[in-house]
Every structure is written in structure tokens, then in C-alpha cells.
Amino acid sequence: MNLVKNSFTLLETLISITFLSIVISGFLYSSYHEKTNQENFMILNDLENRFDTKSYTNFSKTNQNLQIVKNQGTTENIVVSKYQFENENIKIFKYEK
């Protein structure tokens, strides 16, 4: 007698659903990081443009004193401004005299 199998067993169905869910979650996870990277790129591009145009509206500003030693004897004190931007993914700063 020759029997023909016409339907999936319960085990085959569970294995197929598990494999399918792993594949789908992998695609969702990879597209999330692509979106985050794209957003970070846009923020960095905007920050670069602000540095170039010296438009520091989104930056926090602090003044710092620096002491520079020249030729092991001459010291020079200068005041610089530190402009800083920080969020959960990016921390960037610039010193300007």
C-alpha cells in the first residue's frame, strides 16, 4: 500500500513558523539600524554646517582657561570657548579662541 502525504504535521508547522519569525525579525532589526545611521548622518551633516557658518544655537558654550608652556619656560594663558553638542548617539565639541 502506498500512502501519499498531503498535509504538514504539527512539528513541521511549528518549525516553519519559528524559522519565518527569525527571518522577519532579522530584517526588522537590520532596517532599524539603517534608519538610526541615516538619522545620525543627517545630524552630523547639520552640525558640520553649523560649525562652518559659526551658528552655535544648538550648542552649549563654556569658557575655559588654558595654560600653554613654550620652550620650557615661557607660559601663556589664553581663554577659549568650548562649544558642545551631545545626544544619546553623538558627542562632539569644538574649541575656539
Protein backbone atom coordinates (compact mmCIF):
# COMPACT_ATOMS: atom_id res chain seq x y z
CA MET A 1 0.00 0.00 0.00
CA ASN A 2 1.39 3.43 -0.99
CA LEU A 3 0.36 6.40 1.21
CA VAL A 4 0.66 9.95 -0.03
CA LYS A 5 1.36 12.71 2.48
CA ASN A 6 -0.98 15.66 1.85
CA SER A 7 -0.56 17.90 4.90
CA PHE A 8 2.06 19.26 7.25
CA THR A 9 2.44 17.72 10.65
CA LEU A 10 2.26 19.88 13.74
CA LEU A 11 6.04 19.68 14.21
CA GLU A 12 6.74 20.83 10.66
CA THR A 13 4.32 23.73 11.09
CA LEU A 14 5.99 24.88 14.33
CA ILE A 15 9.45 24.66 12.76
CA SER A 16 8.28 26.68 9.73
CA ILE A 17 6.70 29.40 11.89
CA THR A 18 9.83 29.63 14.08
CA PHE A 19 12.11 29.94 11.06
CA LEU A 20 9.85 32.54 9.45
CA SER A 21 9.72 34.65 12.63
CA ILE A 22 13.53 34.59 12.90
CA VAL A 23 13.90 35.76 9.30
CA ILE A 24 11.32 38.55 9.70
CA SER A 25 12.83 39.81 12.96
CA GLY A 26 16.27 39.85 11.31
CA PHE A 27 15.00 42.14 8.55
CA LEU A 28 13.27 44.44 11.03
CA TYR A 29 16.41 44.67 13.18
CA SER A 30 18.67 45.48 10.22
CA SER A 31 16.37 48.20 8.88
CA TYR A 32 16.21 49.81 12.36
CA HIS A 33 19.99 50.32 12.42
CA GLU A 34 19.95 51.65 8.87
CA LYS A 35 17.37 54.26 9.91
CA THR A 36 19.41 55.20 13.00
CA ASN A 37 22.59 55.53 10.94
CA GLN A 38 20.77 57.73 8.42
CA GLU A 39 19.46 59.99 11.21
CA ASN A 40 22.95 60.26 12.75
CA PHE A 41 24.41 61.13 9.35
CA MET A 42 21.86 63.92 8.91
CA ILE A 43 22.59 65.31 12.40
CA LEU A 44 26.36 65.23 11.80
CA ASN A 45 25.93 66.96 8.45
CA ASP A 46 23.84 69.69 10.10
CA LEU A 47 26.44 70.10 12.88
CA GLU A 48 29.24 70.41 10.34
CA ASN A 49 27.32 73.14 8.52
CA ARG A 50 26.77 74.98 11.81
CA PHE A 51 30.49 74.79 12.62
CA ASP A 52 31.35 76.16 9.18
CA THR A 53 28.92 79.08 9.46
CA LYS A 54 29.67 79.62 13.19
CA SER A 55 26.00 79.33 14.04
CA TYR A 56 26.17 77.79 17.52
CA THR A 57 22.48 77.96 18.51
CA ASN A 58 22.14 74.24 19.39
CA PHE A 59 25.44 74.07 21.27
CA SER A 60 26.21 74.64 24.91
CA LYS A 61 29.02 77.15 25.43
CA THR A 62 31.59 77.23 28.22
CA ASN A 63 34.75 79.31 28.58
CA GLN A 64 37.95 77.63 29.69
CA ASN A 65 41.40 78.91 30.60
CA LEU A 66 44.32 77.10 29.01
CA GLN A 67 47.95 77.45 30.03
CA ILE A 68 50.47 76.88 27.24
CA VAL A 69 54.15 76.30 28.05
CA LYS A 70 56.57 77.39 25.31
CA ASN A 71 60.22 76.37 25.23
CA GLN A 72 60.11 75.02 28.80
CA GLY A 73 59.99 78.46 30.34
CA THR A 74 57.52 80.83 28.81
CA THR A 75 53.91 80.29 29.79
CA GLU A 76 50.91 81.84 28.13
CA ASN A 77 47.36 81.84 29.44
CA ILE A 78 44.55 82.02 26.92
CA VAL A 79 40.76 81.88 27.22
CA VAL A 80 38.96 79.63 24.75
CA SER A 81 35.30 78.93 24.14
CA LYS A 82 34.16 75.32 24.08
CA TYR A 83 31.04 74.62 22.01
CA GLN A 84 29.50 71.22 22.70
CA PHE A 85 26.62 69.16 21.30
CA GLU A 86 25.53 65.90 22.89
CA ASN A 87 22.68 63.43 22.46
CA GLU A 88 22.33 59.68 23.06
CA ASN A 89 24.42 58.75 19.99
CA ILE A 90 26.67 61.75 19.31
CA LYS A 91 29.03 63.82 21.44
CA ILE A 92 31.02 66.49 19.63
CA PHE A 93 32.83 69.63 20.73
CA LYS A 94 34.98 72.43 19.33
CA TYR A 95 37.42 74.83 20.96
CA GLU A 96 37.65 78.33 19.54
CA LYS A 97 39.84 81.25 20.51
